[in-house]
């Protein structure tokens, strides 16, 4: 067996081991991403405390009203007490006004 043959086998074996270890790590990375959703700052999202025309956080699918669930903001159902209070967003850090707006707005 020649030296070049041994080297290519070593290189092949090393590549197989590296590929297998990388593939084994992928499920772990996926779980970490699902466990901690990434949120952006208000500055990155260009958040403002007032609507942009008829677009406002309370009508956005990412808005979470106080004591509510995402996608059911102030316009997602009947208006109730506390619907004009600040809430949270699934994609923007911090508290947001239902009358606010950012460039990540998605209508419900």
C-alpha atoms as a PDB file:
ATOM      1  CA  UNK A   1       0.000   0.000   0.000  1.00  0.00           C
ATOM      2  CA  UNK A   2       1.443   3.371  -0.927  1.00  0.00           C
ATOM      3  CA  UNK A   3       1.791   6.382   1.384  1.00  0.00           C
ATOM      4  CA  UNK A   4      -0.604   8.487  -0.730  1.00  0.00           C
ATOM      5  CA  UNK A   5      -3.252   5.774  -0.393  1.00  0.00           C
ATOM      6  CA  UNK A   6      -2.963   5.869   3.405  1.00  0.00           C
ATOM      7  CA  UNK A   7      -3.203   9.639   3.483  1.00  0.00           C
ATOM      8  CA  UNK A   8      -6.336   9.705   1.396  1.00  0.00           C
ATOM      9  CA  UNK A   9      -7.944   7.110   3.662  1.00  0.00           C
ATOM     10  CA  UNK A  10      -7.027   9.196   6.693  1.00  0.00           C
ATOM     11  CA  UNK A  11      -8.453  12.312   5.081  1.00  0.00           C
ATOM     12  CA  UNK A  12     -11.608  10.419   4.155  1.00  0.00           C
ATOM     13  CA  UNK A  13     -11.999   9.015   7.674  1.00  0.00           C
ATOM     14  CA  UNK A  14     -11.458  12.452   9.193  1.00  0.00           C
ATOM     15  CA  UNK A  15     -14.105  13.938   6.880  1.00  0.00           C
ATOM     16  CA  UNK A  16     -16.576  11.175   7.812  1.00  0.00           C
ATOM     17  CA  UNK A  17     -16.016  11.759  11.539  1.00  0.00           C
ATOM     18  CA  UNK A  18     -16.377  15.545  11.202  1.00  0.00           C
ATOM     19  CA  UNK A  19     -19.568  15.197   9.153  1.00  0.00           C
ATOM     20  CA  UNK A  20     -21.086  12.726  11.613  1.00  0.00           C
ATOM     21  CA  UNK A  21     -20.292  14.895  14.631  1.00  0.00           C
ATOM     22  CA  UNK A  22     -21.727  17.967  12.897  1.00  0.00           C
ATOM     23  CA  UNK A  23     -24.905  16.115  11.972  1.00  0.00           C
ATOM     24  CA  UNK A  24     -25.266  14.899  15.567  1.00  0.00           C
ATOM     25  CA  UNK A  25     -25.118  18.497  16.830  1.00  0.00           C
ATOM     26  CA  UNK A  26     -27.900  19.819  14.547  1.00  0.00           C
ATOM     27  CA  UNK A  27     -30.842  18.616  16.685  1.00  0.00           C
ATOM     28  CA  UNK A  28     -29.295  20.261  19.730  1.00  0.00           C
ATOM     29  CA  UNK A  29     -28.974  23.568  17.907  1.00  0.00           C
ATOM     30  CA  UNK A  30     -32.599  23.351  16.760  1.00  0.00           C
ATOM     31  CA  UNK A  31     -33.830  22.857  20.330  1.00  0.00           C
ATOM     32  CA  UNK A  32     -31.823  25.827  21.565  1.00  0.00           C
ATOM     33  CA  UNK A  33     -33.331  28.053  18.866  1.00  0.00           C
ATOM     34  CA  UNK A  34     -36.882  26.970  19.731  1.00  0.00           C
ATOM     35  CA  UNK A  35     -36.324  27.412  23.470  1.00  0.00           C
ATOM     36  CA  UNK A  36     -35.225  31.040  23.249  1.00  0.00           C
ATOM     37  CA  UNK A  37     -36.955  33.031  20.495  1.00  0.00           C
ATOM     38  CA  UNK A  38     -34.870  35.912  19.256  1.00  0.00           C
ATOM     39  CA  UNK A  39     -36.341  39.364  19.732  1.00  0.00           C
ATOM     40  CA  UNK A  40     -35.033  42.588  18.253  1.00  0.00           C
ATOM     41  CA  UNK A  41     -34.691  45.964  19.921  1.00  0.00           C
ATOM     42  CA  UNK A  42     -37.195  48.742  19.337  1.00  0.00           C
ATOM     43  CA  UNK A  43     -34.513  50.685  17.475  1.00  0.00           C
ATOM     44  CA  UNK A  44     -33.880  47.858  15.005  1.00  0.00           C
ATOM     45  CA  UNK A  45     -37.636  47.424  14.453  1.00  0.00           C
ATOM     46  CA  UNK A  46     -38.060  51.214  14.035  1.00  0.00           C
ATOM     47  CA  UNK A  47     -40.745  51.148  16.740  1.00  0.00           C
ATOM     48  CA  UNK A  48     -42.799  54.300  17.303  1.00  0.00           C
ATOM     49  CA  UNK A  49     -45.483  55.030  19.927  1.00  0.00           C
ATOM     50  CA  UNK A  50     -48.034  56.114  17.307  1.00  0.00           C
ATOM     51  CA  UNK A  51     -49.720  54.302  14.395  1.00  0.00           C
ATOM     52  CA  UNK A  52     -48.595  54.371  10.786  1.00  0.00           C
ATOM     53  CA  UNK A  53     -51.844  55.215   9.065  1.00  0.00           C
ATOM     54  CA  UNK A  54     -54.190  52.394  10.019  1.00  0.00           C
ATOM     55  CA  UNK A  55     -51.384  50.015  10.981  1.00  0.00           C
ATOM     56  CA  UNK A  56     -50.809  49.661  14.714  1.00  0.00           C
ATOM     57  CA  UNK A  57     -49.470  47.049  17.130  1.00  0.00           C
ATOM     58  CA  UNK A  58     -52.926  46.216  18.458  1.00  0.00           C
ATOM     59  CA  UNK A  59     -53.832  44.942  14.992  1.00  0.00           C
ATOM     60  CA  UNK A  60     -50.602  42.974  14.519  1.00  0.00           C
ATOM     61  CA  UNK A  61     -50.335  39.181  14.777  1.00  0.00           C
ATOM     62  CA  UNK A  62     -47.306  39.517  17.081  1.00  0.00           C
ATOM     63  CA  UNK A  63     -48.981  41.770  19.665  1.00  0.00           C
ATOM     64  CA  UNK A  64     -49.737  40.167  23.039  1.00  0.00           C
ATOM     65  CA  UNK A  65     -52.198  42.258  25.082  1.00  0.00           C
ATOM     66  CA  UNK A  66     -51.935  42.251  28.856  1.00  0.00           C
ATOM     67  CA  UNK A  67     -53.339  38.903  29.976  1.00  0.00           C
ATOM     68  CA  UNK A  68     -53.958  37.798  26.381  1.00  0.00           C
ATOM     69  CA  UNK A  69     -52.451  35.714  23.618  1.00  0.00           C
ATOM     70  CA  UNK A  70     -50.644  36.699  20.425  1.00  0.00           C
ATOM     71  CA  UNK A  71     -52.799  37.310  17.397  1.00  0.00           C
ATOM     72  CA  UNK A  72     -55.774  38.351  19.507  1.00  0.00           C
ATOM     73  CA  UNK A  73     -54.965  42.004  20.029  1.00  0.00           C
ATOM     74  CA  UNK A  74     -57.443  44.811  20.468  1.00  0.00           C
ATOM     75  CA  UNK A  75     -58.869  44.235  16.987  1.00  0.00           C
ATOM     76  CA  UNK A  76     -58.743  40.433  17.143  1.00  0.00           C
ATOM     77  CA  UNK A  77     -61.967  40.226  19.087  1.00  0.00           C
ATOM     78  CA  UNK A  78     -64.377  42.381  21.009  1.00  0.00           C
ATOM     79  CA  UNK A  79     -62.963  45.434  22.707  1.00  0.00           C
ATOM     80  CA  UNK A  80     -62.719  44.815  26.408  1.00  0.00           C
ATOM     81  CA  UNK A  81     -61.391  46.511  29.522  1.00  0.00           C
ATOM     82  CA  UNK A  82     -57.636  46.956  29.408  1.00  0.00           C
ATOM     83  CA  UNK A  83     -57.329  46.489  25.658  1.00  0.00           C
ATOM     84  CA  UNK A  84     -55.640  49.872  25.263  1.00  0.00           C
ATOM     85  CA  UNK A  85     -52.987  49.044  27.890  1.00  0.00           C
ATOM     86  CA  UNK A  86     -49.416  48.324  26.912  1.00  0.00           C
ATOM     87  CA  UNK A  87     -48.639  44.763  26.030  1.00  0.00           C
ATOM     88  CA  UNK A  88     -45.745  42.763  24.670  1.00  0.00           C
ATOM     89  CA  UNK A  89     -44.607  41.648  21.261  1.00  0.00           C
ATOM     90  CA  UNK A  90     -43.376  38.268  20.100  1.00  0.00           C
ATOM     91  CA  UNK A  91     -40.599  39.835  18.030  1.00  0.00           C
ATOM     92  CA  UNK A  92     -39.753  43.200  19.678  1.00  0.00           C
ATOM     93  CA  UNK A  93     -38.173  43.571  23.113  1.00  0.00           C
ATOM     94  CA  UNK A  94     -39.968  45.407  25.899  1.00  0.00           C
ATOM     95  CA  UNK A  95     -43.457  46.698  26.364  1.00  0.00           C
ATOM     96  CA  UNK A  96     -45.288  48.097  23.345  1.00  0.00           C
ATOM     97  CA  UNK A  97     -48.329  50.301  22.977  1.00  0.00           C
ATOM     98  CA  UNK A  98     -51.335  48.872  21.121  1.00  0.00           C
ATOM     99  CA  UNK A  99     -51.309  52.187  19.239  1.00  0.00           C
ATOM    100  CA  UNK A 100     -47.605  51.834  18.355  1.00  0.00           C
ATOM    101  CA  UNK A 101     -46.103  50.601  15.094  1.00  0.00           C
ATOM    102  CA  UNK A 102     -42.907  49.029  13.771  1.00  0.00           C
ATOM    103  CA  UNK A 103     -41.646  47.797  10.403  1.00  0.00           C
ATOM    104  CA  UNK A 104     -42.275  44.163  11.427  1.00  0.00           C
ATOM    105  CA  UNK A 105     -46.050  44.723  11.440  1.00  0.00           C
ATOM    106  CA  UNK A 106     -48.063  41.748  10.148  1.00  0.00           C
ATOM    107  CA  UNK A 107     -51.836  42.083   9.994  1.00  0.00           C
ATOM    108  CA  UNK A 108     -53.766  39.402  11.905  1.00  0.00           C
END
